[in-house]
């Protein structure tokens, strides 16, 4: 992967699901609702001064949420952006 470029999309791992779960309360607060389902399905990463995770999450609705989660060099996580997208949408920078 090129420094600063978005890596290849892959199926979500247990680590990615854990990252998504850790920012779930912030996402639900920001969108003003809770989700009956919350399953990370795919992801990509980007090397910055830390690591950005781009995670597609199936929330049990027709559209998925694509999250950008920043993990700094100390391992702290922050939900930096999100967008609703079609379930078959490609991973891209948000």
PDB file of N, CA and C in Angstrom:
ATOM      1  N   UNK A   1       0.836  -1.175   0.000  1.00  0.00           N
ATOM      2  CA  UNK A   1       0.000   0.000   0.000  1.00  0.00           C
ATOM      3  C   UNK A   1       0.883   1.241   0.000  1.00  0.00           C
ATOM      4  N   UNK A   2       0.518   2.210  -0.818  1.00  0.00           N
ATOM      5  CA  UNK A   2       1.233   3.467  -0.921  1.00  0.00           C
ATOM      6  C   UNK A   2       0.888   4.362   0.267  1.00  0.00           C
ATOM      7  N   UNK A   3       1.884   5.006   0.852  1.00  0.00           N
ATOM      8  CA  UNK A   3       1.667   5.915   1.966  1.00  0.00           C
ATOM      9  C   UNK A   3       0.634   6.959   1.564  1.00  0.00           C
ATOM     10  N   UNK A   4      -0.414   7.084   2.367  1.00  0.00           N
ATOM     11  CA  UNK A   4      -1.455   8.063   2.095  1.00  0.00           C
ATOM     12  C   UNK A   4      -2.557   7.564   1.192  1.00  0.00           C
ATOM     13  N   UNK A   5      -2.324   6.463   0.448  1.00  0.00           N
ATOM     14  CA  UNK A   5      -3.341   5.921  -0.436  1.00  0.00           C
ATOM     15  C   UNK A   5      -4.251   4.960   0.305  1.00  0.00           C
ATOM     16  N   UNK A   6      -5.449   4.785  -0.219  1.00  0.00           N
ATOM     17  CA  UNK A   6      -6.394   3.842   0.367  1.00  0.00           C
ATOM     18  C   UNK A   6      -5.990   2.437  -0.036  1.00  0.00           C
ATOM     19  N   UNK A   7      -5.898   1.537   0.938  1.00  0.00           N
ATOM     20  CA  UNK A   7      -5.512   0.155   0.677  1.00  0.00           C
ATOM     21  C   UNK A   7      -6.626  -0.628   0.011  1.00  0.00           C
ATOM     22  N   UNK A   8      -6.360  -1.880  -0.257  1.00  0.00           N
ATOM     23  CA  UNK A   8      -7.338  -2.750  -0.883  1.00  0.00           C
ATOM     24  C   UNK A   8      -8.488  -3.053   0.064  1.00  0.00           C
ATOM     25  N   UNK A   9      -9.666  -3.230  -0.493  1.00  0.00           N
ATOM     26  CA  UNK A   9     -10.839  -3.597   0.294  1.00  0.00           C
ATOM     27  C   UNK A   9     -10.781  -5.082   0.623  1.00  0.00           C
ATOM     28  N   UNK A  10     -11.118  -5.422   1.862  1.00  0.00           N
ATOM     29  CA  UNK A  10     -11.109  -6.817   2.313  1.00  0.00           C
ATOM     30  C   UNK A  10     -12.332  -7.058   3.193  1.00  0.00           C
ATOM     31  N   UNK A  11     -12.646  -8.328   3.412  1.00  0.00           N
ATOM     32  CA  UNK A  11     -13.713  -8.680   4.342  1.00  0.00           C
ATOM     33  C   UNK A  11     -13.309  -8.240   5.745  1.00  0.00           C
ATOM     34  N   UNK A  12     -14.284  -7.770   6.503  1.00  0.00           N
ATOM     35  CA  UNK A  12     -14.014  -7.311   7.863  1.00  0.00           C
ATOM     36  C   UNK A  12     -13.536  -8.462   8.741  1.00  0.00           C
ATOM     37  N   UNK A  13     -12.614  -8.156   9.618  1.00  0.00           N
ATOM     38  CA  UNK A  13     -12.058  -9.118  10.563  1.00  0.00           C
ATOM     39  C   UNK A  13     -12.658  -8.864  11.950  1.00  0.00           C
ATOM     40  N   UNK A  14     -12.316  -9.702  12.910  1.00  0.00           N
ATOM     41  CA  UNK A  14     -12.762  -9.489  14.288  1.00  0.00           C
ATOM     42  C   UNK A  14     -12.230  -8.163  14.825  1.00  0.00           C
ATOM     43  N   UNK A  15     -10.998  -7.804  14.471  1.00  0.00           N
ATOM     44  CA  UNK A  15     -10.436  -6.519  14.915  1.00  0.00           C
ATOM     45  C   UNK A  15     -11.243  -5.358  14.359  1.00  0.00           C
ATOM     46  N   UNK A  16     -11.630  -5.431  13.087  1.00  0.00           N
ATOM     47  CA  UNK A  16     -12.408  -4.362  12.458  1.00  0.00           C
ATOM     48  C   UNK A  16     -13.794  -4.269  13.098  1.00  0.00           C
ATOM     49  N   UNK A  17     -14.418  -5.409  13.392  1.00  0.00           N
ATOM     50  CA  UNK A  17     -15.713  -5.399  14.073  1.00  0.00           C
ATOM     51  C   UNK A  17     -15.581  -4.725  15.438  1.00  0.00           C
ATOM     52  N   UNK A  18     -14.509  -5.020  16.153  1.00  0.00           N
ATOM     53  CA  UNK A  18     -14.279  -4.406  17.457  1.00  0.00           C
ATOM     54  C   UNK A  18     -14.129  -2.896  17.327  1.00  0.00           C
ATOM     55  N   UNK A  19     -13.398  -2.441  16.339  1.00  0.00           N
ATOM     56  CA  UNK A  19     -13.224  -1.002  16.107  1.00  0.00           C
ATOM     57  C   UNK A  19     -14.578  -0.358  15.821  1.00  0.00           C
ATOM     58  N   UNK A  20     -15.360  -0.989  14.951  1.00  0.00           N
ATOM     59  CA  UNK A  20     -16.690  -0.465  14.628  1.00  0.00           C
ATOM     60  C   UNK A  20     -17.569  -0.403  15.874  1.00  0.00           C
ATOM     61  N   UNK A  21     -17.524  -1.442  16.690  1.00  0.00           N
ATOM     62  CA  UNK A  21     -18.329  -1.470  17.925  1.00  0.00           C
ATOM     63  C   UNK A  21     -17.926  -0.361  18.891  1.00  0.00           C
ATOM     64  N   UNK A  22     -16.666  -0.060  18.939  1.00  0.00           N
ATOM     65  CA  UNK A  22     -16.183   0.956  19.878  1.00  0.00           C
ATOM     66  C   UNK A  22     -16.638   2.368  19.500  1.00  0.00           C
ATOM     67  N   UNK A  23     -16.926   2.611  18.217  1.00  0.00           N
ATOM     68  CA  UNK A  23     -17.428   3.928  17.802  1.00  0.00           C
ATOM     69  C   UNK A  23     -18.946   3.928  17.595  1.00  0.00           C
ATOM     70  N   UNK A  24     -19.591   2.775  17.791  1.00  0.00           N
ATOM     71  CA  UNK A  24     -21.043   2.663  17.599  1.00  0.00           C
ATOM     72  C   UNK A  24     -21.831   3.683  18.424  1.00  0.00           C
ATOM     73  N   UNK A  25     -21.551   3.855  19.727  1.00  0.00           N
ATOM     74  CA  UNK A  25     -22.325   4.848  20.489  1.00  0.00           C
ATOM     75  C   UNK A  25     -22.247   6.251  19.894  1.00  0.00           C
ATOM     76  N   UNK A  26     -21.084   6.645  19.407  1.00  0.00           N
ATOM     77  CA  UNK A  26     -20.917   7.964  18.795  1.00  0.00           C
ATOM     78  C   UNK A  26     -21.737   8.062  17.509  1.00  0.00           C
ATOM     79  N   UNK A  27     -21.703   7.024  16.667  1.00  0.00           N
ATOM     80  CA  UNK A  27     -22.485   7.038  15.423  1.00  0.00           C
ATOM     81  C   UNK A  27     -23.976   7.129  15.742  1.00  0.00           C
ATOM     82  N   UNK A  28     -24.455   6.284  16.650  1.00  0.00           N
ATOM     83  CA  UNK A  28     -25.880   6.286  16.977  1.00  0.00           C
ATOM     84  C   UNK A  28     -26.313   7.638  17.555  1.00  0.00           C
ATOM     85  N   UNK A  29     -25.466   8.248  18.351  1.00  0.00           N
ATOM     86  CA  UNK A  29     -25.773   9.577  18.899  1.00  0.00           C
ATOM     87  C   UNK A  29     -25.837  10.610  17.781  1.00  0.00           C
ATOM     88  N   UNK A  30     -24.887  10.556  16.861  1.00  0.00           N
ATOM     89  CA  UNK A  30     -24.814  11.559  15.800  1.00  0.00           C
ATOM     90  C   UNK A  30     -25.948  11.428  14.784  1.00  0.00           C
ATOM     91  N   UNK A  31     -26.442  10.208  14.543  1.00  0.00           N
ATOM     92  CA  UNK A  31     -27.556  10.042  13.592  1.00  0.00           C
ATOM     93  C   UNK A  31     -28.911  10.075  14.293  1.00  0.00           C
ATOM     94  N   UNK A  32     -28.914   9.996  15.627  1.00  0.00           N
ATOM     95  CA  UNK A  32     -30.143  10.122  16.378  1.00  0.00           C
ATOM     96  C   UNK A  32     -31.019   8.883  16.413  1.00  0.00           C
ATOM     97  N   UNK A  33     -30.424   7.719  16.243  1.00  0.00           N
ATOM     98  CA  UNK A  33     -31.180   6.471  16.340  1.00  0.00           C
ATOM     99  C   UNK A  33     -30.233   5.314  16.645  1.00  0.00           C
ATOM    100  N   UNK A  34     -30.814   4.217  17.097  1.00  0.00           N
ATOM    101  CA  UNK A  34     -30.030   3.012  17.348  1.00  0.00           C
ATOM    102  C   UNK A  34     -30.308   2.014  16.235  1.00  0.00           C
ATOM    103  N   UNK A  35     -29.420   1.050  16.085  1.00  0.00           N
ATOM    104  CA  UNK A  35     -29.524   0.087  14.996  1.00  0.00           C
ATOM    105  C   UNK A  35     -29.791  -1.314  15.534  1.00  0.00           C
ATOM    106  N   UNK A  36     -30.745  -2.036  14.902  1.00  0.00           N
ATOM    107  CA  UNK A  36     -31.047  -3.399  15.344  1.00  0.00           C
ATOM    108  C   UNK A  36     -29.924  -4.380  15.023  1.00  0.00           C
ATOM    109  N   UNK A  37     -29.134  -4.032  14.045  1.00  0.00           N
ATOM    110  CA  UNK A  37     -28.020  -4.864  13.591  1.00  0.00           C
ATOM    111  C   UNK A  37     -26.821  -3.942  13.431  1.00  0.00           C
ATOM    112  N   UNK A  38     -25.620  -4.470  13.644  1.00  0.00           N
ATOM    113  CA  UNK A  38     -24.415  -3.652  13.500  1.00  0.00           C
ATOM    114  C   UNK A  38     -23.260  -4.588  13.196  1.00  0.00           C
ATOM    115  N   UNK A  39     -23.084  -4.877  11.912  1.00  0.00           N
ATOM    116  CA  UNK A  39     -22.111  -5.881  11.492  1.00  0.00           C
ATOM    117  C   UNK A  39     -21.171  -5.292  10.438  1.00  0.00           C
ATOM    118  N   UNK A  40     -19.889  -5.193  10.779  1.00  0.00           N
ATOM    119  CA  UNK A  40     -18.885  -4.727   9.810  1.00  0.00           C
ATOM    120  C   UNK A  40     -18.737  -5.782   8.723  1.00  0.00           C
ATOM    121  N   UNK A  41     -18.854  -5.369   7.455  1.00  0.00           N
ATOM    122  CA  UNK A  41     -18.789  -6.343   6.362  1.00  0.00           C
ATOM    123  C   UNK A  41     -17.519  -6.247   5.533  1.00  0.00           C
ATOM    124  N   UNK A  42     -16.997  -5.035   5.344  1.00  0.00           N
ATOM    125  CA  UNK A  42     -15.754  -4.876   4.585  1.00  0.00           C
ATOM    126  C   UNK A  42     -15.047  -3.619   5.065  1.00  0.00           C
ATOM    127  N   UNK A  43     -13.763  -3.536   4.696  1.00  0.00           N
ATOM    128  CA  UNK A  43     -12.985  -2.384   5.149  1.00  0.00           C
ATOM    129  C   UNK A  43     -11.772  -2.163   4.252  1.00  0.00           C
ATOM    130  N   UNK A  44     -11.204  -0.985   4.396  1.00  0.00           N
ATOM    131  CA  UNK A  44      -9.926  -0.633   3.781  1.00  0.00           C
ATOM    132  C   UNK A  44      -9.218   0.265   4.786  1.00  0.00           C
ATOM    133  N   UNK A  45      -7.917   0.430   4.632  1.00  0.00           N
ATOM    134  CA  UNK A  45      -7.161   1.291   5.532  1.00  0.00           C
ATOM    135  C   UNK A  45      -6.354   2.311   4.739  1.00  0.00           C
ATOM    136  N   UNK A  46      -5.929   3.341   5.446  1.00  0.00           N
ATOM    137  CA  UNK A  46      -5.082   4.387   4.882  1.00  0.00           C
ATOM    138  C   UNK A  46      -4.058   4.772   5.945  1.00  0.00           C
ATOM    139  N   UNK A  47      -2.785   4.700   5.572  1.00  0.00           N
ATOM    140  CA  UNK A  47      -1.719   5.095   6.487  1.00  0.00           C
ATOM    141  C   UNK A  47      -1.601   6.612   6.471  1.00  0.00           C
ATOM    142  N   UNK A  48      -1.736   7.195   7.660  1.00  0.00           N
ATOM    143  CA  UNK A  48      -1.547   8.636   7.854  1.00  0.00           C
ATOM    144  C   UNK A  48      -0.628   8.755   9.069  1.00  0.00           C
ATOM    145  N   UNK A  49      -0.742   9.791   9.853  1.00  0.00           N
ATOM    146  CA  UNK A  49      -0.008   9.851  11.121  1.00  0.00           C
ATOM    147  C   UNK A  49      -0.834   9.037  12.117  1.00  0.00           C
ATOM    148  N   UNK A  50      -0.859   7.757  11.889  1.00  0.00           N
ATOM    149  CA  UNK A  50      -1.747   6.803  12.545  1.00  0.00           C
ATOM    150  C   UNK A  50      -2.360   5.967  11.433  1.00  0.00           C
ATOM    151  N   UNK A  51      -3.632   5.603  11.574  1.00  0.00           N
ATOM    152  CA  UNK A  51      -4.288   4.762  10.564  1.00  0.00           C
ATOM    153  C   UNK A  51      -5.758   5.121  10.478  1.00  0.00           C
ATOM    154  N   UNK A  52      -6.245   5.344   9.254  1.00  0.00           N
ATOM    155  CA  UNK A  52      -7.673   5.510   9.016  1.00  0.00           C
ATOM    156  C   UNK A  52      -8.246   4.171   8.614  1.00  0.00           C
ATOM    157  N   UNK A  53      -9.353   3.791   9.229  1.00  0.00           N
ATOM    158  CA  UNK A  53     -10.111   2.614   8.836  1.00  0.00           C
ATOM    159  C   UNK A  53     -11.378   3.094   8.151  1.00  0.00           C
ATOM    160  N   UNK A  54     -11.638   2.579   6.962  1.00  0.00           N
ATOM    161  CA  UNK A  54     -12.875   2.846   6.244  1.00  0.00           C
ATOM    162  C   UNK A  54     -13.678   1.549   6.338  1.00  0.00           C
ATOM    163  N   UNK A  55     -14.797   1.587   7.059  1.00  0.00           N
ATOM    164  CA  UNK A  55     -15.527   0.381   7.405  1.00  0.00           C
ATOM    165  C   UNK A  55     -16.964   0.486   6.916  1.00  0.00           C
ATOM    166  N   UNK A  56     -17.414  -0.514   6.145  1.00  0.00           N
ATOM    167  CA  UNK A  56     -18.817  -0.612   5.741  1.00  0.00           C
ATOM    168  C   UNK A  56     -19.537  -1.455   6.781  1.00  0.00           C
ATOM    169  N   UNK A  57     -20.616  -0.879   7.347  1.00  0.00           N
ATOM    170  CA  UNK A  57     -21.353  -1.536   8.424  1.00  0.00           C
ATOM    171  C   UNK A  57     -22.806  -1.758   7.994  1.00  0.00           C
ATOM    172  N   UNK A  58     -23.244  -3.014   8.058  1.00  0.00           N
ATOM    173  CA  UNK A  58     -24.637  -3.372   7.815  1.00  0.00           C
ATOM    174  C   UNK A  58     -25.394  -3.094   9.109  1.00  0.00           C
ATOM    175  N   UNK A  59     -26.355  -2.162   9.047  1.00  0.00           N
ATOM    176  CA  UNK A  59     -27.109  -1.780  10.242  1.00  0.00           C
ATOM    177  C   UNK A  59     -28.549  -2.293  10.198  1.00  0.00           C
ATOM    178  N   UNK A  60     -28.818  -3.266   9.329  1.00  0.00           N
ATOM    179  CA  UNK A  60     -30.152  -3.845   9.257  1.00  0.00           C
ATOM    180  C   UNK A  60     -31.153  -2.986   8.516  1.00  0.00           C
ATOM    181  N   UNK A  61     -30.665  -2.064   7.700  1.00  0.00           N
ATOM    182  CA  UNK A  61     -31.501  -1.180   6.895  1.00  0.00           C
ATOM    183  C   UNK A  61     -31.092  -1.339   5.432  1.00  0.00           C
ATOM    184  N   UNK A  62     -31.892  -0.813   4.491  1.00  0.00           N
ATOM    185  CA  UNK A  62     -31.524  -0.959   3.073  1.00  0.00           C
ATOM    186  C   UNK A  62     -30.130  -0.408   2.729  1.00  0.00           C
ATOM    187  N   UNK A  63     -29.719   0.662   3.410  1.00  0.00           N
ATOM    188  CA  UNK A  63     -28.390   1.226   3.162  1.00  0.00           C
ATOM    189  C   UNK A  63     -27.449   0.865   4.295  1.00  0.00           C
ATOM    190  N   UNK A  64     -26.167   0.798   3.967  1.00  0.00           N
ATOM    191  CA  UNK A  64     -25.125   0.571   4.966  1.00  0.00           C
ATOM    192  C   UNK A  64     -24.530   1.914   5.356  1.00  0.00           C
ATOM    193  N   UNK A  65     -23.853   1.948   6.483  1.00  0.00           N
ATOM    194  CA  UNK A  65     -23.080   3.120   6.858  1.00  0.00           C
ATOM    195  C   UNK A  65     -21.616   2.847   6.549  1.00  0.00           C
ATOM    196  N   UNK A  66     -20.964   3.791   5.894  1.00  0.00           N
ATOM    197  CA  UNK A  66     -19.524   3.735   5.685  1.00  0.00           C
ATOM    198  C   UNK A  66     -18.918   4.704   6.686  1.00  0.00           C
ATOM    199  N   UNK A  67     -18.015   4.180   7.498  1.00  0.00           N
ATOM    200  CA  UNK A  67     -17.385   4.957   8.561  1.00  0.00           C
ATOM    201  C   UNK A  67     -15.925   5.235   8.225  1.00  0.00           C
ATOM    202  N   UNK A  68     -15.450   6.383   8.669  1.00  0.00           N
ATOM    203  CA  UNK A  68     -14.004   6.625   8.693  1.00  0.00           C
ATOM    204  C   UNK A  68     -13.629   6.757  10.159  1.00  0.00           C
ATOM    205  N   UNK A  69     -12.794   5.847  10.626  1.00  0.00           N
ATOM    206  CA  UNK A  69     -12.368   5.821  12.021  1.00  0.00           C
ATOM    207  C   UNK A  69     -10.851   6.012  12.051  1.00  0.00           C
ATOM    208  N   UNK A  70     -10.413   7.016  12.775  1.00  0.00           N
ATOM    209  CA  UNK A  70      -8.986   7.313  12.902  1.00  0.00           C
ATOM    210  C   UNK A  70      -8.445   6.663  14.172  1.00  0.00           C
ATOM    211  N   UNK A  71      -7.348   5.923  14.035  1.00  0.00           N
ATOM    212  CA  UNK A  71      -6.632   5.382  15.197  1.00  0.00           C
ATOM    213  C   UNK A  71      -5.278   6.074  15.253  1.00  0.00           C
ATOM    214  N   UNK A  72      -5.055   6.838  16.314  1.00  0.00           N
ATOM    215  CA  UNK A  72      -3.791   7.569  16.416  1.00  0.00           C
ATOM    216  C   UNK A  72      -2.666   6.636  16.852  1.00  0.00           C
ATOM    217  N   UNK A  73      -1.484   7.189  16.966  1.00  0.00           N
ATOM    218  CA  UNK A  73      -0.309   6.378  17.292  1.00  0.00           C
ATOM    219  C   UNK A  73      -0.349   5.814  18.708  1.00  0.00           C
ATOM    220  N   UNK A  74      -1.221   6.376  19.550  1.00  0.00           N
ATOM    221  CA  UNK A  74      -1.390   5.849  20.905  1.00  0.00           C
ATOM    222  C   UNK A  74      -2.505   4.796  20.963  1.00  0.00           C
ATOM    223  N   UNK A  75      -3.165   4.543  19.831  1.00  0.00           N
ATOM    224  CA  UNK A  75      -4.212   3.528  19.768  1.00  0.00           C
ATOM    225  C   UNK A  75      -5.609   4.035  20.074  1.00  0.00           C
ATOM    226  N   UNK A  76      -5.770   5.332  20.270  1.00  0.00           N
ATOM    227  CA  UNK A  76      -7.085   5.902  20.543  1.00  0.00           C
ATOM    228  C   UNK A  76      -7.889   5.999  19.248  1.00  0.00           C
ATOM    229  N   UNK A  77      -9.205   5.752  19.341  1.00  0.00           N
ATOM    230  CA  UNK A  77     -10.081   5.754  18.168  1.00  0.00           C
ATOM    231  C   UNK A  77     -10.993   6.968  18.164  1.00  0.00           C
ATOM    232  N   UNK A  78     -11.286   7.465  16.949  1.00  0.00           N
ATOM    233  CA  UNK A  78     -12.219   8.574  16.787  1.00  0.00           C
ATOM    234  C   UNK A  78     -13.000   8.374  15.495  1.00  0.00           C
ATOM    235  N   UNK A  79     -14.331   8.426  15.577  1.00  0.00           N
ATOM    236  CA  UNK A  79     -15.170   8.406  14.388  1.00  0.00           C
ATOM    237  C   UNK A  79     -15.071   9.785  13.754  1.00  0.00           C
ATOM    238  N   UNK A  80     -14.401   9.883  12.614  1.00  0.00           N
ATOM    239  CA  UNK A  80     -14.165  11.193  12.021  1.00  0.00           C
ATOM    240  C   UNK A  80     -15.170  11.555  10.941  1.00  0.00           C
ATOM    241  N   UNK A  81     -15.807  10.557  10.318  1.00  0.00           N
ATOM    242  CA  UNK A  81     -16.807  10.845   9.293  1.00  0.00           C
ATOM    243  C   UNK A  81     -17.619   9.595   9.032  1.00  0.00           C
ATOM    244  N   UNK A  82     -18.786   9.777   8.432  1.00  0.00           N
ATOM    245  CA  UNK A  82     -19.625   8.646   8.041  1.00  0.00           C
ATOM    246  C   UNK A  82     -20.603   9.106   6.973  1.00  0.00           C
ATOM    247  N   UNK A  83     -21.122   8.142   6.225  1.00  0.00           N
ATOM    248  CA  UNK A  83     -22.103   8.424   5.184  1.00  0.00           C
ATOM    249  C   UNK A  83     -22.936   7.166   4.960  1.00  0.00           C
ATOM    250  N   UNK A  84     -24.208   7.338   4.609  1.00  0.00           N
ATOM    251  CA  UNK A  84     -25.045   6.202   4.237  1.00  0.00           C
ATOM    252  C   UNK A  84     -24.829   5.926   2.760  1.00  0.00           C
ATOM    253  N   UNK A  85     -24.658   4.634   2.428  1.00  0.00           N
ATOM    254  CA  UNK A  85     -24.422   4.247   1.034  1.00  0.00           C
ATOM    255  C   UNK A  85     -25.173   2.966   0.726  1.00  0.00           C
ATOM    256  N   UNK A  86     -25.364   2.709  -0.575  1.00  0.00           N
ATOM    257  CA  UNK A  86     -25.966   1.450  -0.987  1.00  0.00           C
ATOM    258  C   UNK A  86     -25.092   0.295  -0.507  1.00  0.00           C
ATOM    259  N   UNK A  87     -25.724  -0.834  -0.252  1.00  0.00           N
ATOM    260  CA  UNK A  87     -25.004  -2.008   0.270  1.00  0.00           C
ATOM    261  C   UNK A  87     -23.864  -2.452  -0.635  1.00  0.00           C
ATOM    262  N   UNK A  88     -23.982  -2.248  -1.941  1.00  0.00           N
ATOM    263  CA  UNK A  88     -22.948  -2.705  -2.872  1.00  0.00           C
ATOM    264  C   UNK A  88     -21.958  -1.593  -3.269  1.00  0.00           C
ATOM    265  N   UNK A  89     -21.996  -0.462  -2.569  1.00  0.00           N
ATOM    266  CA  UNK A  89     -21.095   0.659  -2.885  1.00  0.00           C
ATOM    267  C   UNK A  89     -19.643   0.290  -2.603  1.00  0.00           C
ATOM    268  N   UNK A  90     -18.770   0.787  -3.443  1.00  0.00           N
ATOM    269  CA  UNK A  90     -17.330   0.582  -3.281  1.00  0.00           C
ATOM    270  C   UNK A  90     -16.817   1.388  -2.095  1.00  0.00           C
ATOM    271  N   UNK A  91     -15.735   0.882  -1.502  1.00  0.00           N
ATOM    272  CA  UNK A  91     -15.077   1.633  -0.432  1.00  0.00           C
ATOM    273  C   UNK A  91     -14.304   2.779  -1.081  1.00  0.00           C
ATOM    274  N   UNK A  92     -14.449   3.964  -0.513  1.00  0.00           N
ATOM    275  CA  UNK A  92     -13.729   5.134  -1.006  1.00  0.00           C
ATOM    276  C   UNK A  92     -13.524   6.107   0.137  1.00  0.00           C
ATOM    277  N   UNK A  93     -12.647   7.072  -0.085  1.00  0.00           N
ATOM    278  CA  UNK A  93     -12.361   8.064   0.939  1.00  0.00           C
ATOM    279  C   UNK A  93     -13.616   8.872   1.236  1.00  0.00           C
ATOM    280  N   UNK A  94     -13.936   9.014   2.504  1.00  0.00           N
ATOM    281  CA  UNK A  94     -15.060   9.864   2.908  1.00  0.00           C
ATOM    282  C   UNK A  94     -14.562  10.876   3.912  1.00  0.00           C
TER     283      UNK A  94
END
